[in-house]
Amino acid sequence: MTRRTPNVPLEPGERVLDSWFANHTQHAQRATGGRMWLTDRRLHFEPHGVDRALAGKTWSVPLAEVAEVGTTPVDLRHFFGGGLRRRLRVVLRDGSEWYFVLNRLRTRVETVRAALPAA
């Protein structure tokens, strides 16, 4: 477990619970490298410097907006977007789906689920 501080300001009282190296699938042909942060309030991804310079996008969502966390199987249609591996799948209340390549995937899924507010 690595607890570092994200480059974005934390809200007053917000605590970092964990962080991991991750690749964010931004579309079928692109996965952006960076770091994912789990705080007691949100799930946040920051691209590393090189991918940020190449138009990598920051992604952040309040945990209260997360409807489901799970995995997605290998999907060769997303060959360059992380599809060669099983990925973290985050479904938001609005129905949008977001995908991330992480090591120790099952453990990460359990960690994020445990941080979600009770329904």
PDB file of N, CA and C in Angstrom:
ATOM      1  N   MET A   1       0.847  -1.173   0.000  1.00  0.00           N
ATOM      2  CA  MET A   1       0.000   0.000   0.000  1.00  0.00           C
ATOM      3  C   MET A   1       0.890   1.232   0.000  1.00  0.00           C
ATOM      4  N   THR A   2       0.611   2.164  -0.886  1.00  0.00           N
ATOM      5  CA  THR A   2       1.368   3.394  -0.979  1.00  0.00           C
ATOM      6  C   THR A   2       0.417   4.544  -0.710  1.00  0.00           C
ATOM      7  N   ARG A   3       0.705   5.305   0.308  1.00  0.00           N
ATOM      8  CA  ARG A   3      -0.142   6.452   0.615  1.00  0.00           C
ATOM      9  C   ARG A   3       0.646   7.716   0.349  1.00  0.00           C
ATOM     10  N   ARG A   4       0.476   8.251  -0.822  1.00  0.00           N
ATOM     11  CA  ARG A   4       1.100   9.506  -1.196  1.00  0.00           C
ATOM     12  C   ARG A   4      -0.008  10.528  -1.364  1.00  0.00           C
ATOM     13  N   THR A   5       0.378  11.765  -1.545  1.00  0.00           N
ATOM     14  CA  THR A   5      -0.610  12.825  -1.719  1.00  0.00           C
ATOM     15  C   THR A   5      -0.772  13.126  -3.201  1.00  0.00           C
ATOM     16  N   PRO A   6      -2.010  13.169  -3.694  1.00  0.00           N
ATOM     17  CA  PRO A   6      -2.207  13.500  -5.115  1.00  0.00           C
ATOM     18  C   PRO A   6      -1.799  14.943  -5.390  1.00  0.00           C
ATOM     19  N   ASN A   7      -1.567  15.240  -6.661  1.00  0.00           N
ATOM     20  CA  ASN A   7      -1.184  16.593  -7.060  1.00  0.00           C
ATOM     21  C   ASN A   7      -2.345  17.566  -7.001  1.00  0.00           C
ATOM     22  N   VAL A   8      -3.559  17.063  -6.876  1.00  0.00           N
ATOM     23  CA  VAL A   8      -4.717  17.945  -6.721  1.00  0.00           C
ATOM     24  C   VAL A   8      -4.946  18.172  -5.236  1.00  0.00           C
ATOM     25  N   PRO A   9      -5.434  19.338  -4.878  1.00  0.00           N
ATOM     26  CA  PRO A   9      -5.649  19.595  -3.456  1.00  0.00           C
ATOM     27  C   PRO A   9      -6.734  18.683  -2.879  1.00  0.00           C
ATOM     28  N   LEU A  10      -6.486  18.213  -1.683  1.00  0.00           N
ATOM     29  CA  LEU A  10      -7.511  17.454  -0.966  1.00  0.00           C
ATOM     30  C   LEU A  10      -8.471  18.442  -0.325  1.00  0.00           C
ATOM     31  N   GLU A  11      -9.720  18.028  -0.183  1.00  0.00           N
ATOM     32  CA  GLU A  11     -10.687  18.855   0.516  1.00  0.00           C
ATOM     33  C   GLU A  11     -10.352  18.839   2.005  1.00  0.00           C
ATOM     34  N   PRO A  12     -10.789  19.841   2.762  1.00  0.00           N
ATOM     35  CA  PRO A  12     -10.518  19.828   4.207  1.00  0.00           C
ATOM     36  C   PRO A  12     -11.030  18.528   4.837  1.00  0.00           C
ATOM     37  N   GLY A  13     -10.166  17.851   5.552  1.00  0.00           N
ATOM     38  CA  GLY A  13     -10.541  16.606   6.230  1.00  0.00           C
ATOM     39  C   GLY A  13     -10.490  15.363   5.357  1.00  0.00           C
ATOM     40  N   GLU A  14     -10.261  15.500   4.033  1.00  0.00           N
ATOM     41  CA  GLU A  14     -10.207  14.348   3.140  1.00  0.00           C
ATOM     42  C   GLU A  14      -8.913  13.569   3.384  1.00  0.00           C
ATOM     43  N   ARG A  15      -9.027  12.236   3.445  1.00  0.00           N
ATOM     44  CA  ARG A  15      -7.875  11.378   3.717  1.00  0.00           C
ATOM     45  C   ARG A  15      -7.602  10.441   2.543  1.00  0.00           C
ATOM     46  N   VAL A  16      -6.337  10.278   2.195  1.00  0.00           N
ATOM     47  CA  VAL A  16      -5.941   9.287   1.200  1.00  0.00           C
ATOM     48  C   VAL A  16      -5.947   7.927   1.874  1.00  0.00           C
ATOM     49  N   LEU A  17      -6.708   6.975   1.306  1.00  0.00           N
ATOM     50  CA  LEU A  17      -6.760   5.613   1.833  1.00  0.00           C
ATOM     51  C   LEU A  17      -5.722   4.722   1.164  1.00  0.00           C
ATOM     52  N   ASP A  18      -5.493   4.934  -0.131  1.00  0.00           N
ATOM     53  CA  ASP A  18      -4.542   4.110  -0.868  1.00  0.00           C
ATOM     54  C   ASP A  18      -4.274   4.753  -2.226  1.00  0.00           C
ATOM     55  N   SER A  19      -3.207   4.315  -2.879  1.00  0.00           N
ATOM     56  CA  SER A  19      -2.940   4.752  -4.247  1.00  0.00           C
ATOM     57  C   SER A  19      -2.164   3.665  -4.963  1.00  0.00           C
ATOM     58  N   TRP A  20      -2.337   3.609  -6.299  1.00  0.00           N
ATOM     59  CA  TRP A  20      -1.724   2.563  -7.106  1.00  0.00           C
ATOM     60  C   TRP A  20      -1.334   3.122  -8.464  1.00  0.00           C
ATOM     61  N   PHE A  21      -0.291   2.510  -9.050  1.00  0.00           N
ATOM     62  CA  PHE A  21      -0.010   2.804 -10.451  1.00  0.00           C
ATOM     63  C   PHE A  21      -1.153   2.224 -11.268  1.00  0.00           C
ATOM     64  N   ALA A  22      -1.560   2.931 -12.302  1.00  0.00           N
ATOM     65  CA  ALA A  22      -2.717   2.509 -13.095  1.00  0.00           C
ATOM     66  C   ALA A  22      -2.583   3.027 -14.517  1.00  0.00           C
ATOM     67  N   ASN A  23      -3.311   2.389 -15.416  1.00  0.00           N
ATOM     68  CA  ASN A  23      -3.514   2.881 -16.774  1.00  0.00           C
ATOM     69  C   ASN A  23      -5.009   3.082 -16.949  1.00  0.00           C
ATOM     70  N   HIS A  24      -5.387   4.267 -17.381  1.00  0.00           N
ATOM     71  CA  HIS A  24      -6.789   4.604 -17.589  1.00  0.00           C
ATOM     72  C   HIS A  24      -7.118   4.437 -19.064  1.00  0.00           C
ATOM     73  N   THR A  25      -8.080   3.570 -19.376  1.00  0.00           N
ATOM     74  CA  THR A  25      -8.522   3.398 -20.758  1.00  0.00           C
ATOM     75  C   THR A  25      -9.326   4.630 -21.147  1.00  0.00           C
ATOM     76  N   GLN A  26      -8.750   5.457 -22.019  1.00  0.00           N
ATOM     77  CA  GLN A  26      -9.440   6.673 -22.435  1.00  0.00           C
ATOM     78  C   GLN A  26     -10.262   6.445 -23.692  1.00  0.00           C
ATOM     79  N   HIS A  27      -9.874   5.473 -24.504  1.00  0.00           N
ATOM     80  CA  HIS A  27     -10.685   4.974 -25.615  1.00  0.00           C
ATOM     81  C   HIS A  27     -10.055   3.670 -26.075  1.00  0.00           C
ATOM     82  N   ALA A  28     -10.637   3.019 -27.057  1.00  0.00           N
ATOM     83  CA  ALA A  28     -10.218   1.668 -27.458  1.00  0.00           C
ATOM     84  C   ALA A  28      -8.754   1.589 -27.863  1.00  0.00           C
ATOM     85  N   GLN A  29      -8.168   2.673 -28.284  1.00  0.00           N
ATOM     86  CA  GLN A  29      -6.794   2.652 -28.762  1.00  0.00           C
ATOM     87  C   GLN A  29      -5.823   3.403 -27.854  1.00  0.00           C
ATOM     88  N   ARG A  30      -6.254   3.746 -26.637  1.00  0.00           N
ATOM     89  CA  ARG A  30      -5.366   4.506 -25.767  1.00  0.00           C
ATOM     90  C   ARG A  30      -5.620   4.225 -24.305  1.00  0.00           C
ATOM     91  N   ALA A  31      -4.559   3.840 -23.609  1.00  0.00           N
ATOM     92  CA  ALA A  31      -4.562   3.741 -22.154  1.00  0.00           C
ATOM     93  C   ALA A  31      -3.492   4.694 -21.645  1.00  0.00           C
ATOM     94  N   THR A  32      -3.863   5.583 -20.760  1.00  0.00           N
ATOM     95  CA  THR A  32      -2.969   6.605 -20.237  1.00  0.00           C
ATOM     96  C   THR A  32      -2.377   6.133 -18.914  1.00  0.00           C
ATOM     97  N   GLY A  33      -1.052   6.167 -18.792  1.00  0.00           N
ATOM     98  CA  GLY A  33      -0.393   5.760 -17.554  1.00  0.00           C
ATOM     99  C   GLY A  33      -0.447   6.850 -16.500  1.00  0.00           C
ATOM    100  N   GLY A  34      -0.480   6.435 -15.243  1.00  0.00           N
ATOM    101  CA  GLY A  34      -0.495   7.399 -14.153  1.00  0.00           C
ATOM    102  C   GLY A  34      -0.698   6.717 -12.825  1.00  0.00           C
ATOM    103  N   ARG A  35      -1.402   7.392 -11.940  1.00  0.00           N
ATOM    104  CA  ARG A  35      -1.658   6.878 -10.592  1.00  0.00           C
ATOM    105  C   ARG A  35      -3.115   7.084 -10.231  1.00  0.00           C
ATOM    106  N   MET A  36      -3.700   6.071  -9.605  1.00  0.00           N
ATOM    107  CA  MET A  36      -5.069   6.154  -9.097  1.00  0.00           C
ATOM    108  C   MET A  36      -5.011   6.356  -7.587  1.00  0.00           C
ATOM    109  N   TRP A  37      -5.843   7.242  -7.109  1.00  0.00           N
ATOM    110  CA  TRP A  37      -5.938   7.553  -5.684  1.00  0.00           C
ATOM    111  C   TRP A  37      -7.320   7.178  -5.189  1.00  0.00           C
ATOM    112  N   LEU A  38      -7.369   6.564  -4.036  1.00  0.00           N
ATOM    113  CA  LEU A  38      -8.634   6.308  -3.340  1.00  0.00           C
ATOM    114  C   LEU A  38      -8.589   7.111  -2.055  1.00  0.00           C
ATOM    115  N   THR A  39      -9.525   8.036  -1.920  1.00  0.00           N
ATOM    116  CA  THR A  39      -9.637   8.773  -0.664  1.00  0.00           C
ATOM    117  C   THR A  39     -10.933   8.352   0.011  1.00  0.00           C
ATOM    118  N   ASP A  40     -11.200   8.899   1.164  1.00  0.00           N
ATOM    119  CA  ASP A  40     -12.449   8.582   1.844  1.00  0.00           C
ATOM    120  C   ASP A  40     -13.646   9.263   1.179  1.00  0.00           C
ATOM    121  N   ARG A  41     -13.395  10.059   0.110  1.00  0.00           N
ATOM    122  CA  ARG A  41     -14.471  10.772  -0.577  1.00  0.00           C
ATOM    123  C   ARG A  41     -14.549  10.540  -2.081  1.00  0.00           C
ATOM    124  N   ARG A  42     -13.433  10.135  -2.700  1.00  0.00           N
ATOM    125  CA  ARG A  42     -13.441  10.032  -4.164  1.00  0.00           C
ATOM    126  C   ARG A  42     -12.425   9.010  -4.670  1.00  0.00           C
ATOM    127  N   LEU A  43     -12.605   8.674  -5.939  1.00  0.00           N
ATOM    128  CA  LEU A  43     -11.663   7.871  -6.701  1.00  0.00           C
ATOM    129  C   LEU A  43     -11.099   8.823  -7.745  1.00  0.00           C
ATOM    130  N   HIS A  44      -9.783   8.884  -7.862  1.00  0.00           N
ATOM    131  CA  HIS A  44      -9.149   9.919  -8.676  1.00  0.00           C
ATOM    132  C   HIS A  44      -7.982   9.314  -9.455  1.00  0.00           C
ATOM    133  N   PHE A  45      -7.873   9.642 -10.728  1.00  0.00           N
ATOM    134  CA  PHE A  45      -6.750   9.217 -11.556  1.00  0.00           C
ATOM    135  C   PHE A  45      -6.035  10.441 -12.097  1.00  0.00           C
ATOM    136  N   GLU A  46      -4.703  10.439 -11.978  1.00  0.00           N
ATOM    137  CA  GLU A  46      -3.864  11.490 -12.548  1.00  0.00           C
ATOM    138  C   GLU A  46      -2.891  10.867 -13.531  1.00  0.00           C
ATOM    139  N   PRO A  47      -2.833  11.364 -14.770  1.00  0.00           N
ATOM    140  CA  PRO A  47      -1.826  10.850 -15.704  1.00  0.00           C
ATOM    141  C   PRO A  47      -0.437  11.314 -15.279  1.00  0.00           C
ATOM    142  N   HIS A  48       0.572  10.512 -15.578  1.00  0.00           N
ATOM    143  CA  HIS A  48       1.931  10.953 -15.290  1.00  0.00           C
ATOM    144  C   HIS A  48       2.326  12.030 -16.303  1.00  0.00           C
ATOM    145  N   GLY A  49       3.466  12.668 -16.076  1.00  0.00           N
ATOM    146  CA  GLY A  49       3.862  13.840 -16.852  1.00  0.00           C
ATOM    147  C   GLY A  49       3.883  13.647 -18.355  1.00  0.00           C
ATOM    148  N   VAL A  50       4.444  12.537 -18.831  1.00  0.00           N
ATOM    149  CA  VAL A  50       4.532  12.315 -20.279  1.00  0.00           C
ATOM    150  C   VAL A  50       3.140  12.184 -20.879  1.00  0.00           C
ATOM    151  N   ASP A  51       2.289  11.356 -20.274  1.00  0.00           N
ATOM    152  CA  ASP A  51       0.938  11.200 -20.831  1.00  0.00           C
ATOM    153  C   ASP A  51       0.111  12.468 -20.667  1.00  0.00           C
ATOM    154  N   ARG A  52       0.338  13.234 -19.613  1.00  0.00           N
ATOM    155  CA  ARG A  52      -0.369  14.511 -19.465  1.00  0.00           C
ATOM    156  C   ARG A  52       0.015  15.429 -20.626  1.00  0.00           C
ATOM    157  N   ALA A  53       1.305  15.449 -20.984  1.00  0.00           N
ATOM    158  CA  ALA A  53       1.769  16.283 -22.097  1.00  0.00           C
ATOM    159  C   ALA A  53       1.194  15.813 -23.434  1.00  0.00           C
ATOM    160  N   LEU A  54       0.825  14.525 -23.511  1.00  0.00           N
ATOM    161  CA  LEU A  54       0.247  13.968 -24.735  1.00  0.00           C
ATOM    162  C   LEU A  54      -1.275  13.886 -24.645  1.00  0.00           C
ATOM    163  N   ALA A  55      -1.875  14.813 -23.906  1.00  0.00           N
ATOM    164  CA  ALA A  55      -3.329  14.965 -23.780  1.00  0.00           C
ATOM    165  C   ALA A  55      -3.987  13.910 -22.909  1.00  0.00           C
ATOM    166  N   GLY A  56      -3.229  13.273 -22.007  1.00  0.00           N
ATOM    167  CA  GLY A  56      -3.847  12.375 -21.025  1.00  0.00           C
ATOM    168  C   GLY A  56      -4.740  13.178 -20.099  1.00  0.00           C
ATOM    169  N   LYS A  57      -5.860  12.614 -19.729  1.00  0.00           N
ATOM    170  CA  LYS A  57      -6.855  13.350 -18.955  1.00  0.00           C
ATOM    171  C   LYS A  57      -6.937  12.868 -17.500  1.00  0.00           C
ATOM    172  N   THR A  58      -7.108  13.815 -16.608  1.00  0.00           N
ATOM    173  CA  THR A  58      -7.393  13.525 -15.206  1.00  0.00           C
ATOM    174  C   THR A  58      -8.837  13.070 -15.114  1.00  0.00           C
ATOM    175  N   TRP A  59      -9.108  12.143 -14.189  1.00  0.00           N
ATOM    176  CA  TRP A  59     -10.470  11.635 -13.982  1.00  0.00           C
ATOM    177  C   TRP A  59     -10.705  11.576 -12.484  1.00  0.00           C
ATOM    178  N   SER A  60     -11.854  12.040 -12.033  1.00  0.00           N
ATOM    179  CA  SER A  60     -12.160  12.024 -10.612  1.00  0.00           C
ATOM    180  C   SER A  60     -13.663  11.913 -10.425  1.00  0.00           C
ATOM    181  N   VAL A  61     -14.070  11.129  -9.433  1.00  0.00           N
ATOM    182  CA  VAL A  61     -15.497  10.959  -9.179  1.00  0.00           C
ATOM    183  C   VAL A  61     -15.723  10.771  -7.676  1.00  0.00           C
ATOM    184  N   PRO A  62     -16.750  11.430  -7.120  1.00  0.00           N
ATOM    185  CA  PRO A  62     -17.088  11.184  -5.722  1.00  0.00           C
ATOM    186  C   PRO A  62     -17.529   9.728  -5.536  1.00  0.00           C
ATOM    187  N   LEU A  63     -17.150   9.127  -4.427  1.00  0.00           N
ATOM    188  CA  LEU A  63     -17.537   7.742  -4.173  1.00  0.00           C
ATOM    189  C   LEU A  63     -19.053   7.573  -4.152  1.00  0.00           C
ATOM    190  N   ALA A  64     -19.774   8.597  -3.764  1.00  0.00           N
ATOM    191  CA  ALA A  64     -21.247   8.517  -3.723  1.00  0.00           C
ATOM    192  C   ALA A  64     -21.846   8.352  -5.116  1.00  0.00           C
ATOM    193  N   GLU A  65     -21.097   8.696  -6.170  1.00  0.00           N
ATOM    194  CA  GLU A  65     -21.583   8.558  -7.545  1.00  0.00           C
ATOM    195  C   GLU A  65     -21.280   7.190  -8.151  1.00  0.00           C
ATOM    196  N   VAL A  66     -20.513   6.359  -7.442  1.00  0.00           N
ATOM    197  CA  VAL A  66     -20.146   5.037  -7.944  1.00  0.00           C
ATOM    198  C   VAL A  66     -21.270   4.055  -7.644  1.00  0.00           C
ATOM    199  N   ALA A  67     -21.831   3.463  -8.694  1.00  0.00           N
ATOM    200  CA  ALA A  67     -22.926   2.499  -8.537  1.00  0.00           C
ATOM    201  C   ALA A  67     -22.402   1.069  -8.425  1.00  0.00           C
ATOM    202  N   GLU A  68     -21.267   0.775  -9.089  1.00  0.00           N
ATOM    203  CA  GLU A  68     -20.767  -0.598  -9.146  1.00  0.00           C
ATOM    204  C   GLU A  68     -19.273  -0.595  -9.412  1.00  0.00           C
ATOM    205  N   VAL A  69     -18.565  -1.527  -8.792  1.00  0.00           N
ATOM    206  CA  VAL A  69     -17.140  -1.735  -9.038  1.00  0.00           C
ATOM    207  C   VAL A  69     -16.936  -3.216  -9.291  1.00  0.00           C
ATOM    208  N   GLY A  70     -16.234  -3.556 -10.354  1.00  0.00           N
ATOM    209  CA  GLY A  70     -15.981  -4.957 -10.677  1.00  0.00           C
ATOM    210  C   GLY A  70     -14.839  -5.067 -11.655  1.00  0.00           C
ATOM    211  N   THR A  71     -14.837  -6.145 -12.424  1.00  0.00           N
ATOM    212  CA  THR A  71     -13.798  -6.357 -13.418  1.00  0.00           C
ATOM    213  C   THR A  71     -14.437  -6.587 -14.780  1.00  0.00           C
ATOM    214  N   THR A  72     -13.646  -6.413 -15.798  1.00  0.00           N
ATOM    215  CA  THR A  72     -14.084  -6.696 -17.159  1.00  0.00           C
ATOM    216  C   THR A  72     -13.104  -7.699 -17.758  1.00  0.00           C
ATOM    217  N   PRO A  73     -13.568  -8.610 -18.570  1.00  0.00           N
ATOM    218  CA  PRO A  73     -12.657  -9.602 -19.154  1.00  0.00           C
ATOM    219  C   PRO A  73     -11.748  -8.988 -20.223  1.00  0.00           C
ATOM    220  N   VAL A  74     -10.778  -9.760 -20.650  1.00  0.00           N
ATOM    221  CA  VAL A  74      -9.921  -9.357 -21.763  1.00  0.00           C
ATOM    222  C   VAL A  74     -10.815  -9.023 -22.961  1.00  0.00           C
ATOM    223  N   ASP A  75     -10.492  -7.935 -23.655  1.00  0.00           N
ATOM    224  CA  ASP A  75     -11.288  -7.477 -24.798  1.00  0.00           C
ATOM    225  C   ASP A  75     -10.329  -6.994 -25.882  1.00  0.00           C
ATOM    226  N   LEU A  76     -10.074  -7.832 -26.866  1.00  0.00           N
ATOM    227  CA  LEU A  76      -9.086  -7.506 -27.895  1.00  0.00           C
ATOM    228  C   LEU A  76      -9.498  -6.342 -28.786  1.00  0.00           C
ATOM    229  N   ARG A  77     -10.769  -5.938 -28.733  1.00  0.00           N
ATOM    230  CA  ARG A  77     -11.190  -4.751 -29.478  1.00  0.00           C
ATOM    231  C   ARG A  77     -10.522  -3.498 -28.902  1.00  0.00           C
ATOM    232  N   HIS A  78     -10.064  -3.594 -27.643  1.00  0.00           N
ATOM    233  CA  HIS A  78      -9.395  -2.482 -26.969  1.00  0.00           C
ATOM    234  C   HIS A  78      -7.917  -2.809 -26.800  1.00  0.00           C
ATOM    235  N   PHE A  79      -7.326  -3.372 -27.844  1.00  0.00           N
ATOM    236  CA  PHE A  79      -5.954  -3.879 -27.817  1.00  0.00           C
ATOM    237  C   PHE A  79      -4.972  -2.876 -27.208  1.00  0.00           C
ATOM    238  N   PHE A  80      -4.978  -1.628 -27.663  1.00  0.00           N
ATOM    239  CA  PHE A  80      -4.056  -0.608 -27.158  1.00  0.00           C
ATOM    240  C   PHE A  80      -4.644   0.185 -25.995  1.00  0.00           C
ATOM    241  N   GLY A  81      -5.860  -0.123 -25.619  1.00  0.00           N
ATOM    242  CA  GLY A  81      -6.520   0.578 -24.519  1.00  0.00           C
ATOM    243  C   GLY A  81      -6.562  -0.253 -23.247  1.00  0.00           C
ATOM    244  N   GLY A  82      -5.686  -1.228 -23.135  1.00  0.00           N
ATOM    245  CA  GLY A  82      -5.644  -2.052 -21.935  1.00  0.00           C
ATOM    246  C   GLY A  82      -6.419  -3.352 -22.053  1.00  0.00           C
ATOM    247  N   GLY A  83      -6.975  -3.622 -23.224  1.00  0.00           N
ATOM    248  CA  GLY A  83      -7.839  -4.781 -23.410  1.00  0.00           C
ATOM    249  C   GLY A  83      -7.154  -6.133 -23.366  1.00  0.00           C
ATOM    250  N   LEU A  84      -5.812  -6.164 -23.320  1.00  0.00           N
ATOM    251  CA  LEU A  84      -5.113  -7.442 -23.216  1.00  0.00           C
ATOM    252  C   LEU A  84      -5.157  -8.001 -21.790  1.00  0.00           C
ATOM    253  N   ARG A  85      -5.643  -7.215 -20.858  1.00  0.00           N
ATOM    254  CA  ARG A  85      -5.739  -7.641 -19.453  1.00  0.00           C
ATOM    255  C   ARG A  85      -7.146  -7.424 -18.931  1.00  0.00           C
ATOM    256  N   ARG A  86      -7.474  -8.151 -17.882  1.00  0.00           N
ATOM    257  CA  ARG A  86      -8.706  -7.842 -17.158  1.00  0.00           C
ATOM    258  C   ARG A  86      -8.509  -6.476 -16.514  1.00  0.00           C
ATOM    259  N   ARG A  87      -9.580  -5.688 -16.456  1.00  0.00           N
ATOM    260  CA  ARG A  87      -9.465  -4.319 -15.949  1.00  0.00           C
ATOM    261  C   ARG A  87     -10.487  -4.033 -14.860  1.00  0.00           C
ATOM    262  N   LEU A  88     -10.175  -3.032 -14.050  1.00  0.00           N
ATOM    263  CA  LEU A  88     -11.130  -2.509 -13.085  1.00  0.00           C
ATOM    264  C   LEU A  88     -12.228  -1.806 -13.874  1.00  0.00           C
ATOM    265  N   ARG A  89     -13.468  -2.110 -13.546  1.00  0.00           N
ATOM    266  CA  ARG A  89     -14.628  -1.490 -14.203  1.00  0.00           C
ATOM    267  C   ARG A  89     -15.375  -0.691 -13.149  1.00  0.00           C
ATOM    268  N   VAL A  90     -15.520   0.597 -13.388  1.00  0.00           N
ATOM    269  CA  VAL A  90     -16.239   1.491 -12.475  1.00  0.00           C
ATOM    270  C   VAL A  90     -17.471   2.003 -13.211  1.00  0.00           C
ATOM    271  N   VAL A  91     -18.649   1.688 -12.692  1.00  0.00           N
ATOM    272  CA  VAL A  91     -19.909   2.142 -13.285  1.00  0.00           C
ATOM    273  C   VAL A  91     -20.477   3.234 -12.377  1.00  0.00           C
ATOM    274  N   LEU A  92     -20.794   4.366 -12.986  1.00  0.00           N
ATOM    275  CA  LEU A  92     -21.356   5.477 -12.226  1.00  0.00           C
ATOM    276  C   LEU A  92     -22.878   5.440 -12.245  1.00  0.00           C
ATOM    277  N   ARG A  93     -23.482   6.206 -11.374  1.00  0.00           N
ATOM    278  CA  ARG A  93     -24.952   6.246 -11.282  1.00  0.00           C
ATOM    279  C   ARG A  93     -25.603   6.712 -12.577  1.00  0.00           C
ATOM    280  N   ASP A  94     -24.879   7.488 -13.393  1.00  0.00           N
ATOM    281  CA  ASP A  94     -25.434   7.941 -14.671  1.00  0.00           C
ATOM    282  C   ASP A  94     -25.307   6.883 -15.770  1.00  0.00           C
ATOM    283  N   GLY A  95     -24.742   5.697 -15.425  1.00  0.00           N
ATOM    284  CA  GLY A  95     -24.610   4.605 -16.382  1.00  0.00           C
ATOM    285  C   GLY A  95     -23.290   4.580 -17.135  1.00  0.00           C
ATOM    286  N   SER A  96     -22.473   5.622 -17.011  1.00  0.00           N
ATOM    287  CA  SER A  96     -21.178   5.624 -17.707  1.00  0.00           C
ATOM    288  C   SER A  96     -20.248   4.593 -17.068  1.00  0.00           C
ATOM    289  N   GLU A  97     -19.363   4.035 -17.907  1.00  0.00           N
ATOM    290  CA  GLU A  97     -18.419   3.022 -17.456  1.00  0.00           C
ATOM    291  C   GLU A  97     -17.001   3.491 -17.725  1.00  0.00           C
ATOM    292  N   TRP A  98     -16.108   3.232 -16.774  1.00  0.00           N
ATOM    293  CA  TRP A  98     -14.714   3.643 -16.857  1.00  0.00           C
ATOM    294  C   TRP A  98     -13.840   2.441 -16.539  1.00  0.00           C
ATOM    295  N   TYR A  99     -12.704   2.321 -17.230  1.00  0.00           N
ATOM    296  CA  TYR A  99     -11.850   1.140 -17.105  1.00  0.00           C
ATOM    297  C   TYR A  99     -10.412   1.533 -16.778  1.00  0.00           C
ATOM    298  N   PHE A 100      -9.786   0.714 -15.920  1.00  0.00           N
ATOM    299  CA  PHE A 100      -8.425   0.965 -15.468  1.00  0.00           C
ATOM    300  C   PHE A 100      -7.663  -0.351 -15.378  1.00  0.00           C
ATOM    301  N   VAL A 101      -6.435  -0.362 -15.872  1.00  0.00           N
ATOM    302  CA  VAL A 101      -5.550  -1.518 -15.721  1.00  0.00           C
ATOM    303  C   VAL A 101      -4.771  -1.319 -14.424  1.00  0.00           C
ATOM    304  N   LEU A 102      -4.870  -2.303 -13.538  1.00  0.00           N
ATOM    305  CA  LEU A 102      -4.194  -2.248 -12.241  1.00  0.00           C
ATOM    306  C   LEU A 102      -3.560  -3.594 -11.943  1.00  0.00           C
ATOM    307  N   ASN A 103      -2.460  -3.600 -11.236  1.00  0.00           N
ATOM    308  CA  ASN A 103      -1.937  -4.843 -10.689  1.00  0.00           C
ATOM    309  C   ASN A 103      -2.755  -5.216  -9.454  1.00  0.00           C
ATOM    310  N   ARG A 104      -2.705  -6.492  -9.084  1.00  0.00           N
ATOM    311  CA  ARG A 104      -3.460  -6.989  -7.919  1.00  0.00           C
ATOM    312  C   ARG A 104      -4.938  -6.572  -8.007  1.00  0.00           C
ATOM    313  N   LEU A 105      -5.536  -6.860  -9.147  1.00  0.00           N
ATOM    314  CA  LEU A 105      -6.875  -6.382  -9.482  1.00  0.00           C
ATOM    315  C   LEU A 105      -7.928  -6.776  -8.454  1.00  0.00           C
ATOM    316  N   ARG A 106      -7.984  -8.041  -8.072  1.00  0.00           N
ATOM    317  CA  ARG A 106      -9.020  -8.465  -7.109  1.00  0.00           C
ATOM    318  C   ARG A 106      -8.920  -7.695  -5.799  1.00  0.00           C
ATOM    319  N   THR A 107      -7.698  -7.512  -5.318  1.00  0.00           N
ATOM    320  CA  THR A 107      -7.496  -6.772  -4.075  1.00  0.00           C
ATOM    321  C   THR A 107      -7.958  -5.333  -4.225  1.00  0.00           C
ATOM    322  N   ARG A 108      -7.651  -4.727  -5.363  1.00  0.00           N
ATOM    323  CA  ARG A 108      -8.057  -3.331  -5.597  1.00  0.00           C
ATOM    324  C   ARG A 108      -9.578  -3.195  -5.659  1.00  0.00           C
ATOM    325  N   VAL A 109     -10.235  -4.146  -6.310  1.00  0.00           N
ATOM    326  CA  VAL A 109     -11.703  -4.123  -6.375  1.00  0.00           C
ATOM    327  C   VAL A 109     -12.273  -4.171  -4.956  1.00  0.00           C
ATOM    328  N   GLU A 110     -11.770  -5.072  -4.144  1.00  0.00           N
ATOM    329  CA  GLU A 110     -12.261  -5.192  -2.760  1.00  0.00           C
ATOM    330  C   GLU A 110     -12.008  -3.914  -1.964  1.00  0.00           C
ATOM    331  N   THR A 111     -10.840  -3.302  -2.172  1.00  0.00           N
ATOM    332  CA  THR A 111     -10.498  -2.071  -1.458  1.00  0.00           C
ATOM    333  C   THR A 111     -11.443  -0.941  -1.822  1.00  0.00           C
ATOM    334  N   VAL A 112     -11.714  -0.778  -3.118  1.00  0.00           N
ATOM    335  CA  VAL A 112     -12.615   0.294  -3.553  1.00  0.00           C
ATOM    336  C   VAL A 112     -14.035   0.008  -3.057  1.00  0.00           C
ATOM    337  N   ARG A 113     -14.489  -1.229  -3.180  1.00  0.00           N
ATOM    338  CA  ARG A 113     -15.843  -1.561  -2.692  1.00  0.00           C
ATOM    339  C   ARG A 113     -15.989  -1.248  -1.207  1.00  0.00           C
ATOM    340  N   ALA A 114     -14.968  -1.561  -0.435  1.00  0.00           N
ATOM    341  CA  ALA A 114     -15.043  -1.309   1.006  1.00  0.00           C
ATOM    342  C   ALA A 114     -15.126   0.180   1.333  1.00  0.00           C
ATOM    343  N   ALA A 115     -14.616   1.024   0.445  1.00  0.00           N
ATOM    344  CA  ALA A 115     -14.635   2.473   0.688  1.00  0.00           C
ATOM    345  C   ALA A 115     -15.946   3.136   0.258  1.00  0.00           C
ATOM    346  N   LEU A 116     -16.763   2.425  -0.520  1.00  0.00           N
ATOM    347  CA  LEU A 116     -18.022   3.018  -1.001  1.00  0.00           C
ATOM    348  C   LEU A 116     -18.986   3.229   0.155  1.00  0.00           C
ATOM    349  N   PRO A 117     -19.757   4.322   0.095  1.00  0.00           N
ATOM    350  CA  PRO A 117     -20.746   4.546   1.145  1.00  0.00           C
ATOM    351  C   PRO A 117     -21.834   3.478   1.111  1.00  0.00           C
ATOM    352  N   ALA A 118     -22.371   3.162   2.265  1.00  0.00           N
ATOM    353  CA  ALA A 118     -23.448   2.156   2.340  1.00  0.00           C
ATOM    354  C   ALA A 118     -24.654   2.650   1.558  1.00  0.00           C
ATOM    355  N   ALA A 119     -25.276   1.727   0.834  1.00  0.00           N
ATOM    356  CA  ALA A 119     -26.427   2.100   0.003  1.00  0.00           C
ATOM    357  C   ALA A 119     -27.659   2.349   0.827  1.00  0.00           C
TER     358      ALA A 119
END
